[in-house]
C-alpha atoms as a PDB file:
ATOM      1  CA  UNK A   1       3.037  15.045   3.565  1.00  0.00           C
ATOM      2  CA  UNK A   2       3.167  11.251   3.893  1.00  0.00           C
ATOM      3  CA  UNK A   3       1.016   8.387   2.686  1.00  0.00           C
ATOM      4  CA  UNK A   4      -0.177   4.984   3.818  1.00  0.00           C
ATOM      5  CA  UNK A   5      -1.001   2.884   0.764  1.00  0.00           C
ATOM      6  CA  UNK A   6      -2.306  -0.496  -0.309  1.00  0.00           C
ATOM      7  CA  UNK A   7      -1.160  -2.145  -3.526  1.00  0.00           C
ATOM      8  CA  UNK A   8      -2.689  -5.178  -5.192  1.00  0.00           C
ATOM      9  CA  UNK A   9      -0.724  -7.543  -7.407  1.00  0.00           C
ATOM     10  CA  UNK A  10      -2.285  -8.065 -10.828  1.00  0.00           C
ATOM     11  CA  UNK A  11      -0.524 -11.425 -10.867  1.00  0.00           C
ATOM     12  CA  UNK A  12      -2.391 -13.078  -7.980  1.00  0.00           C
ATOM     13  CA  UNK A  13      -4.431 -10.446  -6.098  1.00  0.00           C
ATOM     14  CA  UNK A  14      -2.206 -10.285  -3.009  1.00  0.00           C
ATOM     15  CA  UNK A  15      -2.021  -7.023  -1.103  1.00  0.00           C
ATOM     16  CA  UNK A  16       1.045  -5.062  -0.049  1.00  0.00           C
ATOM     17  CA  UNK A  17       0.875  -2.335   2.605  1.00  0.00           C
ATOM     18  CA  UNK A  18       3.373   0.489   2.831  1.00  0.00           C
ATOM     19  CA  UNK A  19       4.069   4.084   3.752  1.00  0.00           C
ATOM     20  CA  UNK A  20       6.113   6.766   2.009  1.00  0.00           C
ATOM     21  CA  UNK A  21       6.564  10.486   1.491  1.00  0.00           C
ATOM     22  CA  UNK A  22       6.463  10.164  -2.319  1.00  0.00           C
ATOM     23  CA  UNK A  23       3.640   7.900  -3.464  1.00  0.00           C
ATOM     24  CA  UNK A  24       4.294   8.162  -7.210  1.00  0.00           C
ATOM     25  CA  UNK A  25       7.999   7.367  -6.873  1.00  0.00           C
ATOM     26  CA  UNK A  26       7.315   4.455  -4.532  1.00  0.00           C
ATOM     27  CA  UNK A  27       4.747   2.871  -6.862  1.00  0.00           C
ATOM     28  CA  UNK A  28       7.234   3.155  -9.733  1.00  0.00           C
ATOM     29  CA  UNK A  29       9.899   1.463  -7.592  1.00  0.00           C
ATOM     30  CA  UNK A  30       7.547  -1.420  -6.826  1.00  0.00           C
ATOM     31  CA  UNK A  31       6.705  -1.871 -10.501  1.00  0.00           C
ATOM     32  CA  UNK A  32      10.336  -1.669 -11.653  1.00  0.00           C
ATOM     33  CA  UNK A  33      11.370  -4.451  -9.264  1.00  0.00           C
ATOM     34  CA  UNK A  34      13.395  -2.166  -6.983  1.00  0.00           C
ATOM     35  CA  UNK A  35      11.685  -3.563  -3.867  1.00  0.00           C
ATOM     36  CA  UNK A  36      12.777  -7.064  -2.930  1.00  0.00           C
ATOM     37  CA  UNK A  37       9.537  -7.928  -1.128  1.00  0.00           C
ATOM     38  CA  UNK A  38       7.344  -7.122  -4.145  1.00  0.00           C
ATOM     39  CA  UNK A  39       9.414  -7.787  -7.269  1.00  0.00           C
ATOM     40  CA  UNK A  40       8.101 -11.308  -7.834  1.00  0.00           C
ATOM     41  CA  UNK A  41       4.463 -10.128  -8.043  1.00  0.00           C
ATOM     42  CA  UNK A  42       4.816  -7.287 -10.578  1.00  0.00           C
ATOM     43  CA  UNK A  43       2.721  -5.475 -11.780  1.00  0.00           C
ATOM     44  CA  UNK A  44       1.142  -3.675  -8.827  1.00  0.00           C
ATOM     45  CA  UNK A  45      -1.949  -1.466  -8.807  1.00  0.00           C
ATOM     46  CA  UNK A  46      -2.538   1.304  -6.279  1.00  0.00           C
ATOM     47  CA  UNK A  47      -5.837   0.335  -4.670  1.00  0.00           C
ATOM     48  CA  UNK A  48      -6.030   2.734  -1.701  1.00  0.00           C
ATOM     49  CA  UNK A  49      -4.137   5.494   0.070  1.00  0.00           C
ATOM     50  CA  UNK A  50      -4.499   7.917   2.956  1.00  0.00           C
ATOM     51  CA  UNK A  51      -2.594  11.174   3.500  1.00  0.00           C
ATOM     52  CA  UNK A  52      -0.924  12.067   6.809  1.00  0.00           C
ATOM     53  CA  UNK A  53       1.062  15.086   7.988  1.00  0.00           C
ATOM     54  CA  UNK A  54       4.062  12.951   9.001  1.00  0.00           C
ATOM     55  CA  UNK A  55       5.662   9.668   7.962  1.00  0.00           C
ATOM     56  CA  UNK A  56       5.428   8.490  11.565  1.00  0.00           C
ATOM     57  CA  UNK A  57       1.622   8.774  11.449  1.00  0.00           C
ATOM     58  CA  UNK A  58       1.454   6.998   8.081  1.00  0.00           C
ATOM     59  CA  UNK A  59       3.597   4.146   9.422  1.00  0.00           C
ATOM     60  CA  UNK A  60       1.396   3.880  12.497  1.00  0.00           C
ATOM     61  CA  UNK A  61      -1.621   3.405  10.204  1.00  0.00           C
ATOM     62  CA  UNK A  62       0.308   0.858   8.092  1.00  0.00           C
ATOM     63  CA  UNK A  63       1.068  -1.259  11.152  1.00  0.00           C
ATOM     64  CA  UNK A  64      -2.526  -0.958  12.343  1.00  0.00           C
ATOM     65  CA  UNK A  65      -3.890  -2.334   9.067  1.00  0.00           C
ATOM     66  CA  UNK A  66      -1.236  -5.076   8.918  1.00  0.00           C
ATOM     67  CA  UNK A  67      -2.395  -6.301  12.338  1.00  0.00           C
ATOM     68  CA  UNK A  68      -5.931  -6.814  11.027  1.00  0.00           C
ATOM     69  CA  UNK A  69      -4.844  -9.975   9.183  1.00  0.00           C
ATOM     70  CA  UNK A  70      -8.240  -9.960   7.508  1.00  0.00           C
ATOM     71  CA  UNK A  71      -8.663  -9.683   3.753  1.00  0.00           C
ATOM     72  CA  UNK A  72     -12.350  -8.867   4.299  1.00  0.00           C
ATOM     73  CA  UNK A  73     -11.520  -5.811   6.442  1.00  0.00           C
ATOM     74  CA  UNK A  74      -8.964  -4.631   3.899  1.00  0.00           C
ATOM     75  CA  UNK A  75     -11.478  -5.009   1.056  1.00  0.00           C
ATOM     76  CA  UNK A  76     -13.985  -2.984   3.092  1.00  0.00           C
ATOM     77  CA  UNK A  77     -11.389  -0.236   3.508  1.00  0.00           C
ATOM     78  CA  UNK A  78     -10.582  -0.260  -0.204  1.00  0.00           C
ATOM     79  CA  UNK A  79     -14.278  -0.108  -1.100  1.00  0.00           C
ATOM     80  CA  UNK A  80     -14.439   3.290   0.635  1.00  0.00           C
ATOM     81  CA  UNK A  81     -12.419   4.643  -2.292  1.00  0.00           C
ATOM     82  CA  UNK A  82      -8.882   5.876  -2.920  1.00  0.00           C
ATOM     83  CA  UNK A  83      -7.813   8.726  -0.680  1.00  0.00           C
END
């Protein structure tokens, strides 16, 4: 099982998009400052995720959402609910 996820920084509301096979561990890494790209905006909240059979499929979805470059579209996705 793999996940595509969206985090939101409590510090300034910015989003971070990622994919992983262990969602709980990855969120903890983000919030402990283990990820260089996100450490300066701690703490992070999990706002949305989707499950996929493979990490390759989750990464494909991550790249798709990153290409949107639209906060409005991302907020619409999040409003559909977690999972």
